[in-house]
Amino acid sequence: MPEKENYSQGLKILKAKVAVFSNEPSLLLAFPLRVEVPSLLTDFREVVRIPTPAHPDGSIHVWEAPTSRPLYRLVGSRALFRGPFVNLTHRSSDPRFSLWGNLGFLYRFALYLLEKKHRIWNLHACALFDRPKDRLYVVAGGAGSGKTIFLLSGLERGLELFSTETVHFTFNGGRFRWFMGSLIDNVRTETLRRYFPRFWPPRWARNELASWIGKIAIDLSPYQCPRKTLIDPEVVILLPRVEAGRRSWELTPLTNPCRAARAVFDNISQKLAETVLLYDVLPVAGIDSIGLARARWQAVEKLVGSEKTRLVASVLSSPRHCWGNLLSYRPLPRRGK
């Protein structure tokens, strides 16, 4: 990596501070971030530009080298990129899988730094808050599992938005603290048309990029919970599978604590562990370590075993009846009893 990088910026995502350096200014993250499908705002509540920190939690160095093939290395908490990234940015078939895309490198690097430096754990989930019951519903699952169905259906039923995609928590002093996540959601246009037409944004708020893959980015901040952090709420963790033709609603509690913890651990590890292909040509291996995985497992065991976690369950349902009678339970029985 060359010694001189003339351009830099600082970024803050939740507690994580990142320094970005480059020899090409167009390769820095562009502000303000837009409400669109590839945006990091669909991952995190905010990405704040700050003065370049002298002692960041991690750093990203992007060296534009037009005649070089793209290369990547991770040295500790320093990510090093070299190659024709200006050209790759213009040619990429999917901007989500880029340095700054919502399925790209900074997204995963931020998750890694939040865990490694701050012991903040990050579920791939949406979250909704029932304020009268002080209950947080965490709906965890991968793409196509039905998180968005639960999210929009929950908002229609009066729940408050706490996150659309990434749910952050930490455990300190015997208490769980939950941090508000993203307020922008990428929703399939067909899902909106068939089940949730009330959430269609006004025509002036749509743009070509937002709907280029059959999805549209929707700003759901008007529905957000007024509290940015929650201390020790009652927690319900749901693992959904939504099927359009299904007529019944099936809730299956995971009463075996090992099975419940494994399901949560698999979810919380997914984005860190998987290899991603950036710009159609550059494989980037998962960012994880044995020590970090052990600490993550301990956090999951505490979460699943906590008396505040009242239920971990799989849900099999149709889109229109995904919540069943779950919202009417008050109080919920202690998990496993």
C-alpha atoms as a PDB file:
ATOM      1  CA  MET A   1       0.000   0.000   0.000  1.00  0.00           C
ATOM      2  CA  PRO A   2       1.469   3.422  -0.970  1.00  0.00           C
ATOM      3  CA  GLU A   3       2.445   5.701   1.858  1.00  0.00           C
ATOM      4  CA  LYS A   4       0.545   8.867   0.908  1.00  0.00           C
ATOM      5  CA  GLU A   5      -3.240   9.158   0.946  1.00  0.00           C
ATOM      6  CA  ASN A   6      -4.330  12.751   0.515  1.00  0.00           C
ATOM      7  CA  TYR A   7      -8.040  12.403   1.285  1.00  0.00           C
ATOM      8  CA  SER A   8      -9.733  11.176   4.419  1.00  0.00           C
ATOM      9  CA  GLN A   9     -12.993  11.191   6.342  1.00  0.00           C
ATOM     10  CA  GLY A  10     -14.289   9.965   9.663  1.00  0.00           C
ATOM     11  CA  LEU A  11     -17.477   7.959  10.124  1.00  0.00           C
ATOM     12  CA  LYS A  12     -19.423   6.972  13.216  1.00  0.00           C
ATOM     13  CA  ILE A  13     -21.945   4.124  13.243  1.00  0.00           C
ATOM     14  CA  LEU A  14     -23.547   3.729  16.654  1.00  0.00           C
ATOM     15  CA  LYS A  15     -20.418   3.558  18.861  1.00  0.00           C
ATOM     16  CA  ALA A  16     -17.933   2.491  16.176  1.00  0.00           C
ATOM     17  CA  LYS A  17     -15.555   5.120  14.752  1.00  0.00           C
ATOM     18  CA  VAL A  18     -14.015   4.443  11.347  1.00  0.00           C
ATOM     19  CA  ALA A  19     -11.313   6.395   9.495  1.00  0.00           C
ATOM     20  CA  VAL A  20     -11.346   6.216   5.681  1.00  0.00           C
ATOM     21  CA  PHE A  21      -8.308   7.136   3.569  1.00  0.00           C
ATOM     22  CA  SER A  22      -7.859   7.300  -0.210  1.00  0.00           C
ATOM     23  CA  ASN A  23      -5.795   8.870  -2.966  1.00  0.00           C
ATOM     24  CA  GLU A  24      -9.030   9.487  -4.934  1.00  0.00           C
ATOM     25  CA  PRO A  25     -11.719  11.736  -3.395  1.00  0.00           C
ATOM     26  CA  SER A  26     -14.586  10.192  -5.386  1.00  0.00           C
ATOM     27  CA  LEU A  27     -13.967   6.896  -3.563  1.00  0.00           C
ATOM     28  CA  LEU A  28     -14.916   8.334  -0.170  1.00  0.00           C
ATOM     29  CA  LEU A  29     -18.440   7.775   1.113  1.00  0.00           C
ATOM     30  CA  ALA A  30     -20.715  10.463  -0.365  1.00  0.00           C
ATOM     31  CA  PHE A  31     -22.885  12.537   1.977  1.00  0.00           C
ATOM     32  CA  PRO A  32     -25.734  13.102   2.553  1.00  0.00           C
ATOM     33  CA  LEU A  33     -26.812   9.490   2.338  1.00  0.00           C
ATOM     34  CA  ARG A  34     -29.908   8.993   0.202  1.00  0.00           C
ATOM     35  CA  VAL A  35     -33.037   6.987   0.947  1.00  0.00           C
ATOM     36  CA  GLU A  36     -32.505   4.262  -1.634  1.00  0.00           C
ATOM     37  CA  VAL A  37     -32.161   0.495  -1.841  1.00  0.00           C
ATOM     38  CA  PRO A  38     -28.309   0.314  -1.681  1.00  0.00           C
ATOM     39  CA  SER A  39     -28.036   2.839   1.162  1.00  0.00           C
ATOM     40  CA  LEU A  40     -26.391   2.083   4.507  1.00  0.00           C
ATOM     41  CA  LEU A  41     -29.446   3.760   6.041  1.00  0.00           C
ATOM     42  CA  THR A  42     -31.260   0.481   5.421  1.00  0.00           C
ATOM     43  CA  ASP A  43     -28.735  -1.148   7.806  1.00  0.00           C
ATOM     44  CA  PHE A  44     -28.202   1.491  10.500  1.00  0.00           C
ATOM     45  CA  ARG A  45     -30.197   4.347  12.006  1.00  0.00           C
ATOM     46  CA  GLU A  46     -27.522   6.798  10.942  1.00  0.00           C
ATOM     47  CA  VAL A  47     -24.015   7.019   9.548  1.00  0.00           C
ATOM     48  CA  VAL A  48     -22.509  10.250  10.882  1.00  0.00           C
ATOM     49  CA  ARG A  49     -19.611  12.061   9.280  1.00  0.00           C
ATOM     50  CA  ILE A  50     -17.085  13.166  11.919  1.00  0.00           C
ATOM     51  CA  PRO A  51     -13.548  14.614  11.837  1.00  0.00           C
ATOM     52  CA  THR A  52     -11.091  11.890  10.885  1.00  0.00           C
ATOM     53  CA  PRO A  53     -10.293  10.246  14.227  1.00  0.00           C
ATOM     54  CA  ALA A  54      -6.653   9.960  15.252  1.00  0.00           C
ATOM     55  CA  HIS A  55      -7.381   6.672  17.034  1.00  0.00           C
ATOM     56  CA  PRO A  56     -10.293   5.018  15.221  1.00  0.00           C
ATOM     57  CA  ASP A  57     -11.752   1.624  16.074  1.00  0.00           C
ATOM     58  CA  GLY A  58     -10.851   0.604  12.533  1.00  0.00           C
ATOM     59  CA  SER A  59      -9.701   2.099   9.240  1.00  0.00           C
ATOM     60  CA  ILE A  60     -10.355   1.538   5.545  1.00  0.00           C
ATOM     61  CA  HIS A  61      -7.645   2.433   3.005  1.00  0.00           C
ATOM     62  CA  VAL A  62      -8.730   2.562  -0.648  1.00  0.00           C
ATOM     63  CA  TRP A  63      -5.938   3.108  -3.167  1.00  0.00           C
ATOM     64  CA  GLU A  64      -7.054   3.814  -6.723  1.00  0.00           C
ATOM     65  CA  ALA A  65      -4.705   1.984  -9.115  1.00  0.00           C
ATOM     66  CA  PRO A  66      -6.328   1.939 -12.596  1.00  0.00           C
ATOM     67  CA  THR A  67      -3.993  -0.669 -14.100  1.00  0.00           C
ATOM     68  CA  SER A  68      -3.992  -3.050 -11.145  1.00  0.00           C
ATOM     69  CA  ARG A  69      -6.349  -5.942 -10.448  1.00  0.00           C
ATOM     70  CA  PRO A  70      -8.438  -5.402  -7.284  1.00  0.00           C
ATOM     71  CA  LEU A  71      -6.818  -6.627  -4.076  1.00  0.00           C
ATOM     72  CA  TYR A  72      -7.953  -6.751  -0.456  1.00  0.00           C
ATOM     73  CA  ARG A  73      -6.242  -7.449   2.866  1.00  0.00           C
ATOM     74  CA  LEU A  74      -7.357  -7.165   6.468  1.00  0.00           C
ATOM     75  CA  VAL A  75      -4.560  -6.484   8.960  1.00  0.00           C
ATOM     76  CA  GLY A  76      -5.984  -6.328  12.465  1.00  0.00           C
ATOM     77  CA  SER A  77      -8.610  -3.592  12.204  1.00  0.00           C
ATOM     78  CA  ARG A  78      -7.102  -2.051   9.034  1.00  0.00           C
ATOM     79  CA  ALA A  79      -8.787  -2.939   5.751  1.00  0.00           C
ATOM     80  CA  LEU A  80      -6.603  -2.344   2.687  1.00  0.00           C
ATOM     81  CA  PHE A  81      -8.009  -2.109  -0.872  1.00  0.00           C
ATOM     82  CA  ARG A  82      -6.078  -1.479  -4.059  1.00  0.00           C
ATOM     83  CA  GLY A  83      -7.328  -1.499  -7.648  1.00  0.00           C
ATOM     84  CA  PRO A  84      -9.398   0.256 -10.334  1.00  0.00           C
ATOM     85  CA  PHE A  85     -12.272   1.067  -7.981  1.00  0.00           C
ATOM     86  CA  VAL A  86     -13.523   4.109  -9.899  1.00  0.00           C
ATOM     87  CA  ASN A  87     -14.129   1.935 -12.955  1.00  0.00           C
ATOM     88  CA  LEU A  88     -15.490  -0.951 -10.867  1.00  0.00           C
ATOM     89  CA  THR A  89     -17.998   1.392  -9.238  1.00  0.00           C
ATOM     90  CA  HIS A  90     -19.397   2.411 -12.638  1.00  0.00           C
ATOM     91  CA  ARG A  91     -19.448  -1.144 -14.006  1.00  0.00           C
ATOM     92  CA  SER A  92     -20.814  -3.033 -11.005  1.00  0.00           C
ATOM     93  CA  SER A  93     -24.060  -4.914 -11.649  1.00  0.00           C
ATOM     94  CA  ASP A  94     -25.266  -4.368  -8.078  1.00  0.00           C
ATOM     95  CA  PRO A  95     -24.162  -1.333  -6.001  1.00  0.00           C
ATOM     96  CA  ARG A  96     -25.364  -3.020  -2.831  1.00  0.00           C
ATOM     97  CA  PHE A  97     -22.232  -5.190  -3.007  1.00  0.00           C
ATOM     98  CA  SER A  98     -19.625  -2.446  -2.931  1.00  0.00           C
ATOM     99  CA  LEU A  99     -17.446  -0.719  -0.346  1.00  0.00           C
ATOM    100  CA  TRP A 100     -20.321   1.480   0.818  1.00  0.00           C
ATOM    101  CA  GLY A 101     -23.393  -0.518  -0.229  1.00  0.00           C
ATOM    102  CA  ASN A 102     -25.870  -1.900   2.277  1.00  0.00           C
ATOM    103  CA  LEU A 103     -24.671  -5.477   1.649  1.00  0.00           C
ATOM    104  CA  GLY A 104     -21.053  -4.484   1.161  1.00  0.00           C
ATOM    105  CA  PHE A 105     -17.860  -4.013   3.104  1.00  0.00           C
ATOM    106  CA  LEU A 106     -18.468  -1.109   5.495  1.00  0.00           C
ATOM    107  CA  TYR A 107     -21.715  -2.712   6.654  1.00  0.00           C
ATOM    108  CA  ARG A 108     -19.908  -5.896   7.731  1.00  0.00           C
ATOM    109  CA  PHE A 109     -16.834  -4.045   9.008  1.00  0.00           C
ATOM    110  CA  ALA A 110     -19.035  -1.907  11.264  1.00  0.00           C
ATOM    111  CA  LEU A 111     -20.673  -5.029  12.711  1.00  0.00           C
ATOM    112  CA  TYR A 112     -17.205  -6.443  13.374  1.00  0.00           C
ATOM    113  CA  LEU A 113     -16.002  -3.264  15.108  1.00  0.00           C
ATOM    114  CA  LEU A 114     -19.156  -2.964  17.199  1.00  0.00           C
ATOM    115  CA  GLU A 115     -18.548  -6.484  18.481  1.00  0.00           C
ATOM    116  CA  LYS A 116     -14.760  -6.345  18.825  1.00  0.00           C
ATOM    117  CA  LYS A 117     -14.351  -2.859  20.306  1.00  0.00           C
ATOM    118  CA  HIS A 118     -17.665  -2.243  22.079  1.00  0.00           C
ATOM    119  CA  ARG A 119     -19.227  -5.672  22.729  1.00  0.00           C
ATOM    120  CA  ILE A 120     -22.375  -4.559  20.937  1.00  0.00           C
ATOM    121  CA  TRP A 121     -24.066  -7.547  19.288  1.00  0.00           C
ATOM    122  CA  ASN A 122     -26.096  -7.240  16.106  1.00  0.00           C
ATOM    123  CA  LEU A 123     -29.028  -9.422  15.124  1.00  0.00           C
ATOM    124  CA  HIS A 124     -30.129  -9.658  11.492  1.00  0.00           C
ATOM    125  CA  ALA A 125     -33.678  -8.766  12.444  1.00  0.00           C
ATOM    126  CA  CYS A 126     -36.369  -6.143  12.603  1.00  0.00           C
ATOM    127  CA  ALA A 127     -37.734  -5.011  15.954  1.00  0.00           C
ATOM    128  CA  LEU A 128     -41.037  -3.544  17.118  1.00  0.00           C
ATOM    129  CA  PHE A 129     -41.840  -2.149  20.558  1.00  0.00           C
ATOM    130  CA  ASP A 130     -45.092  -2.497  22.485  1.00  0.00           C
ATOM    131  CA  ARG A 131     -44.790   0.456  24.848  1.00  0.00           C
ATOM    132  CA  PRO A 132     -47.732  -0.325  27.195  1.00  0.00           C
ATOM    133  CA  LYS A 133     -46.336  -3.815  27.820  1.00  0.00           C
ATOM    134  CA  ASP A 134     -42.650  -2.756  27.702  1.00  0.00           C
ATOM    135  CA  ARG A 135     -42.146  -5.624  25.260  1.00  0.00           C
ATOM    136  CA  LEU A 136     -39.686  -5.755  22.361  1.00  0.00           C
ATOM    137  CA  TYR A 137     -40.510  -8.117  19.504  1.00  0.00           C
ATOM    138  CA  VAL A 138     -37.362  -9.161  17.620  1.00  0.00           C
ATOM    139  CA  VAL A 139     -38.165 -10.845  14.292  1.00  0.00           C
ATOM    140  CA  ALA A 140     -34.959 -12.517  13.127  1.00  0.00           C
ATOM    141  CA  GLY A 141     -34.278 -14.104   9.761  1.00  0.00           C
ATOM    142  CA  GLY A 142     -32.545 -13.858   6.418  1.00  0.00           C
ATOM    143  CA  ALA A 143     -33.793 -12.452   3.126  1.00  0.00           C
ATOM    144  CA  GLY A 144     -37.216 -13.796   2.174  1.00  0.00           C
ATOM    145  CA  SER A 145     -38.048 -15.125   5.647  1.00  0.00           C
ATOM    146  CA  GLY A 146     -40.904 -12.673   6.202  1.00  0.00           C
ATOM    147  CA  LYS A 147     -39.355  -9.965   8.398  1.00  0.00           C
ATOM    148  CA  THR A 148     -40.875  -7.166   6.336  1.00  0.00           C
ATOM    149  CA  ILE A 149     -44.338  -8.773   6.510  1.00  0.00           C
ATOM    150  CA  PHE A 150     -44.101  -8.845  10.319  1.00  0.00           C
ATOM    151  CA  LEU A 151     -42.714  -5.325  10.378  1.00  0.00           C
ATOM    152  CA  LEU A 152     -45.421  -3.620   8.315  1.00  0.00           C
ATOM    153  CA  SER A 153     -48.202  -5.746   9.805  1.00  0.00           C
ATOM    154  CA  GLY A 154     -46.967  -4.855  13.300  1.00  0.00           C
ATOM    155  CA  LEU A 155     -46.972  -1.154  12.467  1.00  0.00           C
ATOM    156  CA  GLU A 156     -50.559  -1.479  11.232  1.00  0.00           C
ATOM    157  CA  ARG A 157     -51.427  -2.987  14.619  1.00  0.00           C
ATOM    158  CA  GLY A 158     -49.987  -0.043  16.532  1.00  0.00           C
ATOM    159  CA  LEU A 159     -46.512  -1.301  17.449  1.00  0.00           C
ATOM    160  CA  GLU A 160     -43.643   1.203  17.332  1.00  0.00           C
ATOM    161  CA  LEU A 161     -40.665   0.798  15.009  1.00  0.00           C
ATOM    162  CA  PHE A 162     -37.336   0.085  16.714  1.00  0.00           C
ATOM    163  CA  SER A 163     -35.392  -1.263  13.722  1.00  0.00           C
ATOM    164  CA  THR A 164     -36.038  -2.467  10.191  1.00  0.00           C
ATOM    165  CA  GLU A 165     -32.943  -4.614   9.615  1.00  0.00           C
ATOM    166  CA  THR A 166     -30.267  -4.644  12.347  1.00  0.00           C
ATOM    167  CA  VAL A 167     -31.036  -4.933  16.059  1.00  0.00           C
ATOM    168  CA  HIS A 168     -28.217  -3.970  18.442  1.00  0.00           C
ATOM    169  CA  PHE A 169     -27.859  -4.960  22.087  1.00  0.00           C
ATOM    170  CA  THR A 170     -25.221  -5.087  24.792  1.00  0.00           C
ATOM    171  CA  PHE A 171     -25.050  -6.636  28.251  1.00  0.00           C
ATOM    172  CA  ASN A 172     -23.473  -4.651  31.075  1.00  0.00           C
ATOM    173  CA  GLY A 173     -23.899  -4.725  34.825  1.00  0.00           C
ATOM    174  CA  GLY A 174     -26.435  -7.510  34.585  1.00  0.00           C
ATOM    175  CA  ARG A 175     -28.738  -5.487  32.318  1.00  0.00           C
ATOM    176  CA  PHE A 176     -29.548  -5.582  28.617  1.00  0.00           C
ATOM    177  CA  ARG A 177     -29.444  -2.324  26.675  1.00  0.00           C
ATOM    178  CA  TRP A 178     -31.028  -2.252  23.196  1.00  0.00           C
ATOM    179  CA  PHE A 179     -30.124   0.452  20.637  1.00  0.00           C
ATOM    180  CA  MET A 180     -32.440   1.715  17.912  1.00  0.00           C
ATOM    181  CA  GLY A 181     -31.511   0.459  14.459  1.00  0.00           C
ATOM    182  CA  SER A 182     -32.396   1.400  10.885  1.00  0.00           C
ATOM    183  CA  LEU A 183     -35.619   3.258  10.076  1.00  0.00           C
ATOM    184  CA  ILE A 184     -35.510   2.706   6.296  1.00  0.00           C
ATOM    185  CA  ASP A 185     -36.726  -0.588   4.845  1.00  0.00           C
ATOM    186  CA  ASN A 186     -36.338  -2.113   1.409  1.00  0.00           C
ATOM    187  CA  VAL A 187     -39.728  -3.587   0.507  1.00  0.00           C
ATOM    188  CA  ARG A 188     -40.736  -5.547  -2.558  1.00  0.00           C
ATOM    189  CA  THR A 189     -43.151  -3.515  -4.628  1.00  0.00           C
ATOM    190  CA  GLU A 190     -45.371  -6.596  -5.030  1.00  0.00           C
ATOM    191  CA  THR A 191     -45.599  -6.937  -1.230  1.00  0.00           C
ATOM    192  CA  LEU A 192     -46.711  -3.320  -0.941  1.00  0.00           C
ATOM    193  CA  ARG A 193     -49.209  -3.642  -3.755  1.00  0.00           C
ATOM    194  CA  ARG A 194     -50.853  -6.835  -2.433  1.00  0.00           C
ATOM    195  CA  TYR A 195     -50.762  -6.402   1.328  1.00  0.00           C
ATOM    196  CA  PHE A 196     -49.665  -2.940   2.471  1.00  0.00           C
ATOM    197  CA  PRO A 197     -50.754  -0.228  -0.008  1.00  0.00           C
ATOM    198  CA  ARG A 198     -50.994   2.347   2.806  1.00  0.00           C
ATOM    199  CA  PHE A 199     -47.174   2.367   3.030  1.00  0.00           C
ATOM    200  CA  TRP A 200     -46.603   3.389  -0.595  1.00  0.00           C
ATOM    201  CA  PRO A 201     -44.512   6.582  -0.502  1.00  0.00           C
ATOM    202  CA  PRO A 202     -45.790   9.603  -2.439  1.00  0.00           C
ATOM    203  CA  ARG A 203     -44.769   9.665  -6.087  1.00  0.00           C
ATOM    204  CA  TRP A 204     -42.330  12.544  -5.586  1.00  0.00           C
ATOM    205  CA  ALA A 205     -40.412  10.470  -3.005  1.00  0.00           C
ATOM    206  CA  ARG A 206     -39.704   7.582  -5.405  1.00  0.00           C
ATOM    207  CA  ASN A 207     -36.693   7.428  -7.688  1.00  0.00           C
ATOM    208  CA  GLU A 208     -35.377   5.014 -10.303  1.00  0.00           C
ATOM    209  CA  LEU A 209     -32.564   3.658  -8.147  1.00  0.00           C
ATOM    210  CA  ALA A 210     -34.897   2.891  -5.242  1.00  0.00           C
ATOM    211  CA  SER A 211     -36.957   0.451  -7.286  1.00  0.00           C
ATOM    212  CA  TRP A 212     -34.411  -0.931  -9.735  1.00  0.00           C
ATOM    213  CA  ILE A 213     -34.452  -4.502  -8.312  1.00  0.00           C
ATOM    214  CA  GLY A 214     -38.177  -4.796  -7.699  1.00  0.00           C
ATOM    215  CA  LYS A 215     -37.873  -3.144  -4.301  1.00  0.00           C
ATOM    216  CA  ILE A 216     -38.387   0.354  -3.021  1.00  0.00           C
ATOM    217  CA  ALA A 217     -36.751   2.048  -0.043  1.00  0.00           C
ATOM    218  CA  ILE A 218     -39.376   3.329   2.398  1.00  0.00           C
ATOM    219  CA  ASP A 219     -38.753   5.837   5.167  1.00  0.00           C
ATOM    220  CA  LEU A 220     -40.655   4.498   8.181  1.00  0.00           C
ATOM    221  CA  SER A 221     -39.273   7.019  10.676  1.00  0.00           C
ATOM    222  CA  PRO A 222     -42.777   8.492  11.335  1.00  0.00           C
ATOM    223  CA  TYR A 223     -43.548   5.200  13.124  1.00  0.00           C
ATOM    224  CA  GLN A 224     -40.412   5.086  15.255  1.00  0.00           C
ATOM    225  CA  CYS A 225     -40.340   4.505  18.980  1.00  0.00           C
ATOM    226  CA  PRO A 226     -39.625   7.788  20.808  1.00  0.00           C
ATOM    227  CA  ARG A 227     -36.949   6.045  22.907  1.00  0.00           C
ATOM    228  CA  LYS A 228     -33.602   5.455  21.175  1.00  0.00           C
ATOM    229  CA  THR A 229     -32.468   2.938  23.794  1.00  0.00           C
ATOM    230  CA  LEU A 230     -34.391   0.391  25.857  1.00  0.00           C
ATOM    231  CA  ILE A 231     -33.189  -0.969  29.191  1.00  0.00           C
ATOM    232  CA  ASP A 232     -34.276  -4.514  30.093  1.00  0.00           C
ATOM    233  CA  PRO A 233     -37.575  -4.688  28.179  1.00  0.00           C
ATOM    234  CA  GLU A 234     -39.450  -7.970  28.003  1.00  0.00           C
ATOM    235  CA  VAL A 235     -38.166  -9.691  24.841  1.00  0.00           C
ATOM    236  CA  VAL A 236     -39.866 -11.997  22.352  1.00  0.00           C
ATOM    237  CA  ILE A 237     -37.668 -13.477  19.599  1.00  0.00           C
ATOM    238  CA  LEU A 238     -39.531 -14.796  16.559  1.00  0.00           C
ATOM    239  CA  LEU A 239     -38.044 -16.842  13.706  1.00  0.00           C
ATOM    240  CA  PRO A 240     -40.555 -16.445  10.863  1.00  0.00           C
ATOM    241  CA  ARG A 241     -41.460 -18.353   7.750  1.00  0.00           C
ATOM    242  CA  VAL A 242     -44.233 -16.640   5.811  1.00  0.00           C
ATOM    243  CA  GLU A 243     -45.956 -18.492   2.970  1.00  0.00           C
ATOM    244  CA  ALA A 244     -48.541 -16.829   0.730  1.00  0.00           C
ATOM    245  CA  GLY A 245     -50.809 -19.890   0.396  1.00  0.00           C
ATOM    246  CA  ARG A 246     -50.868 -20.930   4.041  1.00  0.00           C
ATOM    247  CA  ARG A 247     -54.123 -20.654   5.996  1.00  0.00           C
ATOM    248  CA  SER A 248     -53.034 -21.613   9.518  1.00  0.00           C
ATOM    249  CA  TRP A 249     -50.865 -19.835  12.081  1.00  0.00           C
ATOM    250  CA  GLU A 250     -48.377 -22.071  13.865  1.00  0.00           C
ATOM    251  CA  LEU A 251     -46.273 -20.867  16.783  1.00  0.00           C
ATOM    252  CA  THR A 252     -43.640 -23.359  17.945  1.00  0.00           C
ATOM    253  CA  PRO A 253     -41.770 -22.304  21.101  1.00  0.00           C
ATOM    254  CA  LEU A 254     -38.130 -23.400  21.220  1.00  0.00           C
ATOM    255  CA  THR A 255     -38.250 -24.694  24.772  1.00  0.00           C
ATOM    256  CA  ASN A 256     -34.868 -26.435  24.534  1.00  0.00           C
ATOM    257  CA  PRO A 257     -32.417 -23.675  25.559  1.00  0.00           C
ATOM    258  CA  CYS A 258     -29.578 -25.130  23.450  1.00  0.00           C
ATOM    259  CA  ARG A 259     -31.743 -25.176  20.329  1.00  0.00           C
ATOM    260  CA  ALA A 260     -32.993 -21.644  20.984  1.00  0.00           C
ATOM    261  CA  ALA A 261     -29.472 -20.320  21.582  1.00  0.00           C
ATOM    262  CA  ARG A 262     -28.161 -22.001  18.437  1.00  0.00           C
ATOM    263  CA  ALA A 263     -30.880 -20.401  16.292  1.00  0.00           C
ATOM    264  CA  VAL A 264     -30.065 -16.939  17.672  1.00  0.00           C
ATOM    265  CA  PHE A 265     -26.297 -17.522  17.375  1.00  0.00           C
ATOM    266  CA  ASP A 266     -26.614 -18.581  13.726  1.00  0.00           C
ATOM    267  CA  ASN A 267     -28.547 -15.400  12.991  1.00  0.00           C
ATOM    268  CA  ILE A 268     -26.177 -13.063  14.819  1.00  0.00           C
ATOM    269  CA  SER A 269     -23.114 -14.622  13.138  1.00  0.00           C
ATOM    270  CA  GLN A 270     -24.403 -14.773   9.577  1.00  0.00           C
ATOM    271  CA  LYS A 271     -23.274 -11.460   8.120  1.00  0.00           C
ATOM    272  CA  LEU A 272     -19.869 -11.589   9.822  1.00  0.00           C
ATOM    273  CA  ALA A 273     -19.086 -15.152   8.768  1.00  0.00           C
ATOM    274  CA  GLU A 274     -20.193 -15.202   5.125  1.00  0.00           C
ATOM    275  CA  THR A 275     -17.936 -14.413   2.175  1.00  0.00           C
ATOM    276  CA  VAL A 276     -19.190 -11.601  -0.058  1.00  0.00           C
ATOM    277  CA  LEU A 277     -18.319 -10.738  -3.674  1.00  0.00           C
ATOM    278  CA  LEU A 278     -17.737  -7.010  -4.157  1.00  0.00           C
ATOM    279  CA  TYR A 279     -18.061  -5.322  -7.564  1.00  0.00           C
ATOM    280  CA  ASP A 280     -18.663  -8.758  -9.191  1.00  0.00           C
ATOM    281  CA  VAL A 281     -14.909  -9.545  -9.036  1.00  0.00           C
ATOM    282  CA  LEU A 282     -13.459  -9.176  -5.517  1.00  0.00           C
ATOM    283  CA  PRO A 283     -14.166 -11.941  -2.949  1.00  0.00           C
ATOM    284  CA  VAL A 284     -13.985 -10.740   0.656  1.00  0.00           C
ATOM    285  CA  ALA A 285     -13.900 -13.453   3.306  1.00  0.00           C
ATOM    286  CA  GLY A 286     -15.980 -13.246   6.456  1.00  0.00           C
ATOM    287  CA  ILE A 287     -14.638 -11.057   9.260  1.00  0.00           C
ATOM    288  CA  ASP A 288     -14.626 -13.184  12.388  1.00  0.00           C
ATOM    289  CA  SER A 289     -12.314 -14.853  14.894  1.00  0.00           C
ATOM    290  CA  ILE A 290     -12.491 -17.657  17.427  1.00  0.00           C
ATOM    291  CA  GLY A 291     -12.279 -15.220  20.340  1.00  0.00           C
ATOM    292  CA  LEU A 292     -15.030 -13.020  18.966  1.00  0.00           C
ATOM    293  CA  ALA A 293     -17.249 -16.018  18.225  1.00  0.00           C
ATOM    294  CA  ARG A 294     -16.830 -17.250  21.803  1.00  0.00           C
ATOM    295  CA  ALA A 295     -17.767 -13.854  23.226  1.00  0.00           C
ATOM    296  CA  ARG A 296     -20.768 -13.707  20.886  1.00  0.00           C
ATOM    297  CA  TRP A 297     -21.913 -17.142  22.013  1.00  0.00           C
ATOM    298  CA  GLN A 298     -21.678 -16.083  25.659  1.00  0.00           C
ATOM    299  CA  ALA A 299     -23.803 -13.018  24.902  1.00  0.00           C
ATOM    300  CA  VAL A 300     -26.395 -15.187  23.129  1.00  0.00           C
ATOM    301  CA  GLU A 301     -26.517 -17.607  26.061  1.00  0.00           C
ATOM    302  CA  LYS A 302     -27.161 -14.697  28.432  1.00  0.00           C
ATOM    303  CA  LEU A 303     -29.877 -13.308  26.159  1.00  0.00           C
ATOM    304  CA  VAL A 304     -31.698 -16.605  25.646  1.00  0.00           C
ATOM    305  CA  GLY A 305     -31.342 -17.571  29.302  1.00  0.00           C
ATOM    306  CA  SER A 306     -32.449 -14.213  30.681  1.00  0.00           C
ATOM    307  CA  GLU A 307     -35.726 -13.987  32.574  1.00  0.00           C
ATOM    308  CA  LYS A 308     -36.464 -10.972  30.358  1.00  0.00           C
ATOM    309  CA  THR A 309     -36.524 -13.191  27.254  1.00  0.00           C
ATOM    310  CA  ARG A 310     -40.027 -14.573  27.573  1.00  0.00           C
ATOM    311  CA  LEU A 311     -40.263 -16.478  24.304  1.00  0.00           C
ATOM    312  CA  VAL A 312     -38.093 -17.777  21.469  1.00  0.00           C
ATOM    313  CA  ALA A 313     -40.297 -19.359  18.816  1.00  0.00           C
ATOM    314  CA  SER A 314     -40.624 -20.202  15.150  1.00  0.00           C
ATOM    315  CA  VAL A 315     -43.721 -18.924  13.366  1.00  0.00           C
ATOM    316  CA  LEU A 316     -45.275 -20.424  10.248  1.00  0.00           C
ATOM    317  CA  SER A 317     -48.022 -18.253   8.794  1.00  0.00           C
ATOM    318  CA  SER A 318     -49.655 -16.449   5.901  1.00  0.00           C
ATOM    319  CA  PRO A 319     -48.836 -12.770   5.257  1.00  0.00           C
ATOM    320  CA  ARG A 320     -52.201 -11.535   6.514  1.00  0.00           C
ATOM    321  CA  HIS A 321     -52.190 -13.456   9.791  1.00  0.00           C
ATOM    322  CA  CYS A 322     -48.508 -13.496  10.739  1.00  0.00           C
ATOM    323  CA  TRP A 323     -49.059 -12.219  14.287  1.00  0.00           C
ATOM    324  CA  GLY A 324     -51.867 -14.660  15.100  1.00  0.00           C
ATOM    325  CA  ASN A 325     -52.976 -13.978  18.677  1.00  0.00           C
ATOM    326  CA  LEU A 326     -49.465 -13.251  19.932  1.00  0.00           C
ATOM    327  CA  LEU A 327     -50.065  -9.548  20.568  1.00  0.00           C
ATOM    328  CA  SER A 328     -52.955 -10.309  22.895  1.00  0.00           C
ATOM    329  CA  TYR A 329     -50.802 -12.244  25.382  1.00  0.00           C
ATOM    330  CA  ARG A 330     -50.384 -10.243  28.580  1.00  0.00           C
ATOM    331  CA  PRO A 331     -48.286 -11.229  30.309  1.00  0.00           C
ATOM    332  CA  LEU A 332     -46.445 -13.872  28.326  1.00  0.00           C
ATOM    333  CA  PRO A 333     -45.620 -17.065  30.221  1.00  0.00           C
ATOM    334  CA  ARG A 334     -41.961 -17.525  31.094  1.00  0.00           C
ATOM    335  CA  ARG A 335     -40.218 -19.323  28.235  1.00  0.00           C
ATOM    336  CA  GLY A 336     -40.256 -23.084  28.631  1.00  0.00           C
ATOM    337  CA  LYS A 337     -43.042 -23.144  31.265  1.00  0.00           C
END
